[in-house]
N, C-alpha and C. Protein backbone atom coordinates (compact mmCIF):
# COMPACT_ATOMS: atom_id res chain seq x y z
N MET A 1 12.21 12.25 -26.96
CA MET A 1 12.20 13.27 -27.97
C MET A 1 13.17 12.94 -29.09
N SER A 2 14.12 12.07 -28.78
CA SER A 2 15.06 11.66 -29.82
C SER A 2 14.40 10.77 -30.86
N LYS A 3 13.18 10.35 -30.60
CA LYS A 3 12.47 9.48 -31.55
C LYS A 3 11.49 10.28 -32.40
N ASN A 4 11.59 11.60 -32.37
CA ASN A 4 10.71 12.49 -33.14
C ASN A 4 9.24 12.28 -32.81
N ILE A 5 8.95 12.06 -31.56
CA ILE A 5 7.58 11.95 -31.09
C ILE A 5 7.20 13.30 -30.50
N PRO A 6 6.06 13.88 -30.92
CA PRO A 6 5.68 15.17 -30.35
C PRO A 6 5.45 15.06 -28.85
N VAL A 7 5.95 16.04 -28.12
CA VAL A 7 5.90 16.01 -26.66
C VAL A 7 5.29 17.32 -26.15
N MET A 8 4.48 17.20 -25.11
CA MET A 8 3.99 18.34 -24.34
C MET A 8 4.38 18.08 -22.89
N ILE A 9 4.63 19.14 -22.15
CA ILE A 9 4.96 19.02 -20.73
C ILE A 9 3.90 19.76 -19.94
N ALA A 10 3.38 19.12 -18.89
CA ALA A 10 2.44 19.76 -17.98
C ALA A 10 3.00 19.66 -16.57
N ASP A 11 3.00 20.77 -15.86
CA ASP A 11 3.51 20.81 -14.49
C ASP A 11 2.55 21.66 -13.67
N THR A 12 2.14 21.15 -12.52
CA THR A 12 1.19 21.90 -11.70
C THR A 12 1.82 23.14 -11.07
N ARG A 13 3.13 23.20 -11.06
CA ARG A 13 3.80 24.37 -10.48
C ARG A 13 3.83 25.49 -11.51
N ASP A 14 3.68 26.72 -11.04
CA ASP A 14 3.75 27.88 -11.94
C ASP A 14 5.18 28.20 -12.35
N HIS A 15 6.13 27.90 -11.47
CA HIS A 15 7.54 28.18 -11.75
C HIS A 15 8.40 26.99 -11.34
N PRO A 16 8.34 25.89 -12.09
CA PRO A 16 9.14 24.71 -11.71
C PRO A 16 10.63 24.98 -11.87
N PRO A 17 11.45 24.29 -11.09
CA PRO A 17 12.90 24.46 -11.23
C PRO A 17 13.35 24.06 -12.62
N GLN A 18 14.35 24.72 -13.12
CA GLN A 18 14.99 24.44 -14.41
C GLN A 18 14.06 24.68 -15.61
N LEU A 19 13.04 25.50 -15.43
CA LEU A 19 12.13 25.80 -16.53
C LEU A 19 12.85 26.49 -17.68
N ALA A 20 13.69 27.47 -17.37
CA ALA A 20 14.41 28.19 -18.43
C ALA A 20 15.31 27.25 -19.22
N GLU A 21 16.00 26.35 -18.51
CA GLU A 21 16.88 25.39 -19.18
C GLU A 21 16.08 24.46 -20.07
N CYS A 22 14.92 24.04 -19.60
CA CYS A 22 14.06 23.14 -20.39
C CYS A 22 13.59 23.84 -21.66
N LYS A 23 13.15 25.08 -21.53
CA LYS A 23 12.69 25.84 -22.70
C LYS A 23 13.83 26.03 -23.71
N LYS A 24 15.02 26.27 -23.19
CA LYS A 24 16.18 26.48 -24.08
C LYS A 24 16.57 25.18 -24.78
N ALA A 25 16.57 24.08 -24.05
CA ALA A 25 16.98 22.79 -24.62
C ALA A 25 15.94 22.23 -25.58
N PHE A 26 14.67 22.53 -25.32
CA PHE A 26 13.58 21.97 -26.12
C PHE A 26 12.60 23.07 -26.54
N PRO A 27 13.05 23.96 -27.43
CA PRO A 27 12.22 25.12 -27.78
C PRO A 27 10.91 24.77 -28.47
N ASP A 28 10.81 23.61 -29.07
CA ASP A 28 9.59 23.25 -29.79
C ASP A 28 8.56 22.52 -28.93
N VAL A 29 8.91 22.25 -27.68
CA VAL A 29 8.01 21.53 -26.78
C VAL A 29 7.07 22.53 -26.11
N ARG A 30 5.77 22.25 -26.20
CA ARG A 30 4.78 23.09 -25.51
C ARG A 30 4.78 22.73 -24.04
N ILE A 31 4.81 23.77 -23.20
CA ILE A 31 4.85 23.60 -21.75
C ILE A 31 3.62 24.27 -21.15
N TYR A 32 2.87 23.50 -20.35
CA TYR A 32 1.67 24.00 -19.70
C TYR A 32 1.92 24.00 -18.19
N LEU A 33 1.76 25.16 -17.56
CA LEU A 33 2.03 25.29 -16.13
C LEU A 33 0.74 25.60 -15.38
N GLY A 34 0.73 25.24 -14.10
CA GLY A 34 -0.45 25.47 -13.29
C GLY A 34 -1.32 24.24 -13.24
N GLU A 35 -2.53 24.41 -12.80
CA GLU A 35 -3.46 23.29 -12.64
C GLU A 35 -3.58 22.48 -13.94
N PHE A 36 -3.57 21.15 -13.81
CA PHE A 36 -3.70 20.29 -14.98
C PHE A 36 -5.00 20.61 -15.72
N SER A 37 -4.91 20.59 -17.04
CA SER A 37 -6.04 20.95 -17.89
C SER A 37 -6.56 19.73 -18.64
N GLU A 38 -7.84 19.48 -18.51
CA GLU A 38 -8.47 18.38 -19.24
C GLU A 38 -8.29 18.57 -20.75
N ALA A 39 -8.37 19.80 -21.22
CA ALA A 39 -8.23 20.07 -22.66
C ALA A 39 -6.83 19.69 -23.15
N VAL A 40 -5.83 19.97 -22.36
CA VAL A 40 -4.45 19.63 -22.74
C VAL A 40 -4.27 18.12 -22.73
N PHE A 41 -4.70 17.48 -21.66
CA PHE A 41 -4.50 16.04 -21.53
C PHE A 41 -5.28 15.25 -22.57
N SER A 42 -6.42 15.74 -22.97
CA SER A 42 -7.24 15.01 -23.95
C SER A 42 -6.60 14.99 -25.34
N GLN A 43 -5.61 15.85 -25.58
CA GLN A 43 -4.88 15.86 -26.85
C GLN A 43 -3.86 14.72 -26.94
N ALA A 44 -3.54 14.14 -25.80
CA ALA A 44 -2.44 13.18 -25.73
C ALA A 44 -2.85 11.80 -26.23
N GLU A 45 -1.89 11.13 -26.86
CA GLU A 45 -2.08 9.72 -27.24
C GLU A 45 -1.62 8.80 -26.11
N ILE A 46 -0.70 9.31 -25.30
CA ILE A 46 -0.18 8.58 -24.16
C ILE A 46 0.28 9.61 -23.14
N ILE A 47 0.13 9.29 -21.86
CA ILE A 47 0.54 10.20 -20.81
C ILE A 47 1.61 9.50 -19.97
N VAL A 48 2.73 10.18 -19.80
CA VAL A 48 3.81 9.66 -18.98
C VAL A 48 3.83 10.51 -17.71
N VAL A 49 3.53 9.87 -16.58
CA VAL A 49 3.44 10.62 -15.33
C VAL A 49 4.72 10.46 -14.52
N SER A 50 5.05 11.52 -13.83
CA SER A 50 6.15 11.51 -12.88
C SER A 50 5.70 10.70 -11.67
N PRO A 51 6.63 10.04 -10.97
CA PRO A 51 6.23 9.30 -9.78
C PRO A 51 5.53 10.17 -8.74
N GLY A 52 5.76 11.47 -8.77
CA GLY A 52 5.13 12.37 -7.81
C GLY A 52 3.69 12.74 -8.13
N VAL A 53 3.20 12.34 -9.29
CA VAL A 53 1.83 12.68 -9.69
C VAL A 53 0.91 11.52 -9.32
N SER A 54 -0.13 11.82 -8.58
CA SER A 54 -1.07 10.78 -8.15
C SER A 54 -1.92 10.31 -9.33
N LEU A 55 -2.01 9.00 -9.47
CA LEU A 55 -2.89 8.44 -10.50
C LEU A 55 -4.35 8.67 -10.16
N GLU A 56 -4.61 9.11 -8.93
CA GLU A 56 -5.98 9.41 -8.51
C GLU A 56 -6.40 10.84 -8.86
N ALA A 57 -5.47 11.65 -9.38
CA ALA A 57 -5.82 13.02 -9.77
C ALA A 57 -6.97 12.96 -10.79
N PRO A 58 -7.97 13.81 -10.64
CA PRO A 58 -9.13 13.75 -11.54
C PRO A 58 -8.77 13.78 -13.01
N CYS A 59 -7.82 14.61 -13.38
CA CYS A 59 -7.43 14.71 -14.79
C CYS A 59 -6.85 13.38 -15.29
N ILE A 60 -6.06 12.73 -14.45
CA ILE A 60 -5.46 11.44 -14.83
C ILE A 60 -6.57 10.38 -14.89
N GLN A 61 -7.47 10.38 -13.93
CA GLN A 61 -8.57 9.42 -13.94
C GLN A 61 -9.45 9.58 -15.18
N ASN A 62 -9.67 10.82 -15.61
CA ASN A 62 -10.45 11.07 -16.82
C ASN A 62 -9.75 10.48 -18.04
N CYS A 63 -8.44 10.62 -18.10
CA CYS A 63 -7.68 10.05 -19.22
C CYS A 63 -7.77 8.53 -19.22
N ILE A 64 -7.64 7.94 -18.05
CA ILE A 64 -7.76 6.48 -17.93
C ILE A 64 -9.14 6.03 -18.39
N ALA A 65 -10.17 6.76 -17.97
CA ALA A 65 -11.54 6.41 -18.38
C ALA A 65 -11.72 6.51 -19.89
N LYS A 66 -10.97 7.43 -20.52
CA LYS A 66 -11.04 7.59 -21.98
C LYS A 66 -10.10 6.64 -22.71
N LYS A 67 -9.49 5.72 -21.96
CA LYS A 67 -8.59 4.71 -22.53
C LYS A 67 -7.30 5.31 -23.08
N ILE A 68 -6.91 6.48 -22.58
CA ILE A 68 -5.60 7.05 -22.93
C ILE A 68 -4.59 6.35 -22.01
N PRO A 69 -3.59 5.67 -22.56
CA PRO A 69 -2.62 4.99 -21.71
C PRO A 69 -1.89 5.96 -20.79
N VAL A 70 -1.76 5.59 -19.53
CA VAL A 70 -1.04 6.37 -18.54
C VAL A 70 0.07 5.47 -18.02
N ILE A 71 1.32 5.87 -18.28
CA ILE A 71 2.47 5.03 -17.90
C ILE A 71 3.50 5.88 -17.17
N GLY A 72 4.54 5.23 -16.68
CA GLY A 72 5.63 5.92 -16.00
C GLY A 72 6.95 5.69 -16.72
N ASP A 73 7.99 6.29 -16.17
CA ASP A 73 9.30 6.20 -16.79
C ASP A 73 9.82 4.76 -16.86
N VAL A 74 9.50 3.96 -15.86
CA VAL A 74 9.99 2.57 -15.85
C VAL A 74 9.37 1.77 -17.00
N GLU A 75 8.12 2.06 -17.32
CA GLU A 75 7.49 1.35 -18.44
C GLU A 75 8.12 1.76 -19.77
N ILE A 76 8.43 3.03 -19.93
CA ILE A 76 9.14 3.46 -21.15
C ILE A 76 10.46 2.71 -21.25
N PHE A 77 11.18 2.67 -20.13
CA PHE A 77 12.46 1.96 -20.08
C PHE A 77 12.29 0.50 -20.46
N ALA A 78 11.32 -0.17 -19.84
CA ALA A 78 11.11 -1.60 -20.10
C ALA A 78 10.73 -1.86 -21.56
N ARG A 79 9.98 -0.95 -22.15
CA ARG A 79 9.57 -1.12 -23.55
C ARG A 79 10.74 -0.94 -24.52
N ASP A 80 11.65 -0.02 -24.20
CA ASP A 80 12.67 0.37 -25.16
C ASP A 80 14.07 -0.18 -24.90
N ALA A 81 14.31 -0.70 -23.71
CA ALA A 81 15.65 -1.22 -23.40
C ALA A 81 15.99 -2.38 -24.32
N LYS A 82 17.18 -2.37 -24.86
CA LYS A 82 17.60 -3.43 -25.78
C LYS A 82 18.40 -4.53 -25.09
N ALA A 83 18.91 -4.25 -23.90
CA ALA A 83 19.67 -5.25 -23.14
C ALA A 83 18.75 -5.89 -22.10
N PRO A 84 19.09 -7.11 -21.66
CA PRO A 84 18.30 -7.75 -20.60
C PRO A 84 18.27 -6.90 -19.34
N ILE A 85 17.14 -6.95 -18.64
CA ILE A 85 16.94 -6.17 -17.41
C ILE A 85 16.84 -7.12 -16.23
N VAL A 86 17.65 -6.88 -15.20
CA VAL A 86 17.50 -7.56 -13.92
C VAL A 86 16.83 -6.53 -13.00
N ALA A 87 15.57 -6.75 -12.67
CA ALA A 87 14.81 -5.81 -11.85
C ALA A 87 14.73 -6.34 -10.43
N ILE A 88 15.04 -5.46 -9.47
CA ILE A 88 15.07 -5.86 -8.06
C ILE A 88 14.07 -4.99 -7.30
N THR A 89 13.19 -5.65 -6.56
CA THR A 89 12.19 -4.95 -5.77
C THR A 89 12.01 -5.68 -4.45
N GLY A 90 11.27 -5.12 -3.56
CA GLY A 90 11.03 -5.75 -2.26
C GLY A 90 10.99 -4.71 -1.17
N SER A 91 10.97 -5.19 0.07
CA SER A 91 10.84 -4.28 1.21
C SER A 91 12.17 -3.81 1.76
N ASN A 92 13.12 -4.73 1.87
CA ASN A 92 14.40 -4.40 2.50
C ASN A 92 15.56 -4.90 1.66
N GLY A 93 16.64 -4.14 1.64
CA GLY A 93 17.88 -4.60 1.01
C GLY A 93 17.96 -4.42 -0.50
N LYS A 94 17.03 -3.67 -1.07
CA LYS A 94 17.03 -3.51 -2.54
C LYS A 94 18.30 -2.84 -3.05
N SER A 95 18.68 -1.74 -2.42
CA SER A 95 19.85 -1.00 -2.91
C SER A 95 21.11 -1.85 -2.81
N THR A 96 21.29 -2.50 -1.68
CA THR A 96 22.47 -3.34 -1.49
C THR A 96 22.50 -4.46 -2.52
N LEU A 97 21.38 -5.14 -2.70
CA LEU A 97 21.33 -6.24 -3.65
C LEU A 97 21.55 -5.74 -5.08
N THR A 98 20.98 -4.61 -5.41
CA THR A 98 21.14 -4.06 -6.76
C THR A 98 22.61 -3.79 -7.07
N VAL A 99 23.29 -3.16 -6.13
CA VAL A 99 24.72 -2.87 -6.32
C VAL A 99 25.52 -4.17 -6.41
N LEU A 100 25.23 -5.13 -5.54
CA LEU A 100 25.95 -6.41 -5.56
C LEU A 100 25.73 -7.16 -6.87
N VAL A 101 24.50 -7.24 -7.34
CA VAL A 101 24.23 -7.93 -8.61
C VAL A 101 24.98 -7.24 -9.74
N GLY A 102 24.98 -5.91 -9.73
CA GLY A 102 25.75 -5.18 -10.74
C GLY A 102 27.23 -5.53 -10.70
N GLN A 103 27.77 -5.62 -9.49
CA GLN A 103 29.19 -5.98 -9.33
C GLN A 103 29.45 -7.42 -9.79
N PHE A 104 28.54 -8.33 -9.50
CA PHE A 104 28.70 -9.73 -9.93
C PHE A 104 28.71 -9.81 -11.45
N ILE A 105 27.80 -9.12 -12.09
CA ILE A 105 27.73 -9.15 -13.56
C ILE A 105 28.98 -8.54 -14.16
N GLN A 106 29.44 -7.44 -13.58
CA GLN A 106 30.67 -6.81 -14.07
C GLN A 106 31.87 -7.73 -13.86
N ALA A 107 31.93 -8.40 -12.71
CA ALA A 107 33.04 -9.32 -12.43
C ALA A 107 33.05 -10.51 -13.38
N ALA A 108 31.88 -10.83 -13.94
CA ALA A 108 31.79 -11.92 -14.92
C ALA A 108 32.20 -11.45 -16.31
N GLY A 109 32.62 -10.18 -16.41
CA GLY A 109 33.13 -9.68 -17.68
C GLY A 109 32.11 -8.99 -18.57
N HIS A 110 30.97 -8.65 -18.02
CA HIS A 110 29.93 -8.00 -18.82
C HIS A 110 29.85 -6.51 -18.51
N LYS A 111 29.39 -5.74 -19.50
CA LYS A 111 29.11 -4.33 -19.29
C LYS A 111 27.74 -4.24 -18.62
N VAL A 112 27.66 -3.46 -17.55
CA VAL A 112 26.41 -3.35 -16.80
C VAL A 112 26.15 -1.89 -16.44
N ILE A 113 24.88 -1.53 -16.42
CA ILE A 113 24.47 -0.23 -15.90
C ILE A 113 23.53 -0.50 -14.74
N VAL A 114 23.88 0.03 -13.57
CA VAL A 114 23.04 -0.04 -12.38
C VAL A 114 22.23 1.25 -12.34
N CYS A 115 20.92 1.12 -12.26
CA CYS A 115 20.08 2.32 -12.36
C CYS A 115 18.78 2.14 -11.60
N GLY A 116 17.92 3.12 -11.71
CA GLY A 116 16.63 3.09 -11.02
C GLY A 116 16.70 3.94 -9.77
N ASN A 117 16.19 3.41 -8.68
CA ASN A 117 16.19 4.17 -7.43
C ASN A 117 17.59 4.36 -6.87
N VAL A 118 18.53 3.55 -7.31
CA VAL A 118 19.92 3.69 -6.91
C VAL A 118 20.72 4.06 -8.15
N GLY A 119 21.57 5.04 -8.05
CA GLY A 119 22.38 5.42 -9.21
C GLY A 119 21.61 6.25 -10.21
N LEU A 120 21.79 5.92 -11.45
CA LEU A 120 21.25 6.67 -12.58
C LEU A 120 19.75 6.45 -12.75
N PRO A 121 18.96 7.51 -13.01
CA PRO A 121 17.55 7.28 -13.36
C PRO A 121 17.44 6.42 -14.62
N VAL A 122 16.38 5.62 -14.71
CA VAL A 122 16.29 4.64 -15.80
C VAL A 122 16.33 5.28 -17.19
N LEU A 123 15.69 6.41 -17.37
CA LEU A 123 15.70 7.01 -18.71
C LEU A 123 17.07 7.60 -19.04
N ASP A 124 17.79 8.09 -18.03
CA ASP A 124 19.15 8.54 -18.25
C ASP A 124 20.05 7.37 -18.61
N ALA A 125 19.79 6.21 -18.02
CA ALA A 125 20.59 5.01 -18.32
C ALA A 125 20.50 4.64 -19.80
N MET A 126 19.34 4.90 -20.39
CA MET A 126 19.16 4.55 -21.81
C MET A 126 19.95 5.46 -22.74
N MET A 127 20.44 6.57 -22.21
CA MET A 127 21.23 7.51 -23.01
C MET A 127 22.71 7.12 -23.01
N GLN A 128 23.08 6.15 -22.20
CA GLN A 128 24.46 5.68 -22.10
C GLN A 128 24.74 4.67 -23.20
N ALA A 129 26.02 4.32 -23.34
CA ALA A 129 26.38 3.25 -24.27
C ALA A 129 25.67 1.96 -23.85
N MET A 130 25.24 1.18 -24.84
CA MET A 130 24.46 -0.04 -24.58
C MET A 130 25.26 -1.04 -23.72
N PRO A 131 24.71 -1.44 -22.58
CA PRO A 131 25.38 -2.44 -21.75
C PRO A 131 24.96 -3.85 -22.19
N ASP A 132 25.57 -4.83 -21.55
CA ASP A 132 25.11 -6.20 -21.73
C ASP A 132 23.88 -6.47 -20.86
N PHE A 133 23.81 -5.77 -19.72
CA PHE A 133 22.70 -5.93 -18.77
C PHE A 133 22.41 -4.60 -18.09
N TYR A 134 21.14 -4.39 -17.77
CA TYR A 134 20.73 -3.33 -16.84
C TYR A 134 20.35 -4.02 -15.54
N VAL A 135 20.78 -3.45 -14.42
CA VAL A 135 20.32 -3.90 -13.11
C VAL A 135 19.58 -2.71 -12.50
N VAL A 136 18.28 -2.91 -12.25
CA VAL A 136 17.40 -1.81 -11.89
C VAL A 136 16.78 -2.02 -10.52
N GLU A 137 16.93 -1.04 -9.65
CA GLU A 137 16.21 -1.06 -8.38
C GLU A 137 14.87 -0.37 -8.58
N LEU A 138 13.81 -1.08 -8.25
CA LEU A 138 12.45 -0.55 -8.36
C LEU A 138 11.83 -0.44 -6.98
N SER A 139 10.90 0.49 -6.81
CA SER A 139 10.21 0.64 -5.52
C SER A 139 9.21 -0.48 -5.34
């Protein structure tokens, strides 16, 4: 929203947590609650889904069929991050390795932000002072 891009929020819950705070912080953002609406989604140029939203949901599948890009927070991060990203994924040991790599980079004298599944969410990391490196744990 800091880039002056129009935003709409859709949530399947009728009363999601922190709704009042969201409305207060972003009074110009339209918020749609309850079952996802094809009419609302078809207005979008791009859809950013929460990890908890299934890409198999009919409304999401309809958007994909209409060639509306459907992305997640990590893709926004990867597109907009200005510092190099060290991304760590796998089956076992991701959190430990992510923290260790962050410590190694910091010990080498660089500013680092450790984020993703461990520590700060990736989009929150982008609101911090620019590091020399991001170290990101991915699922």
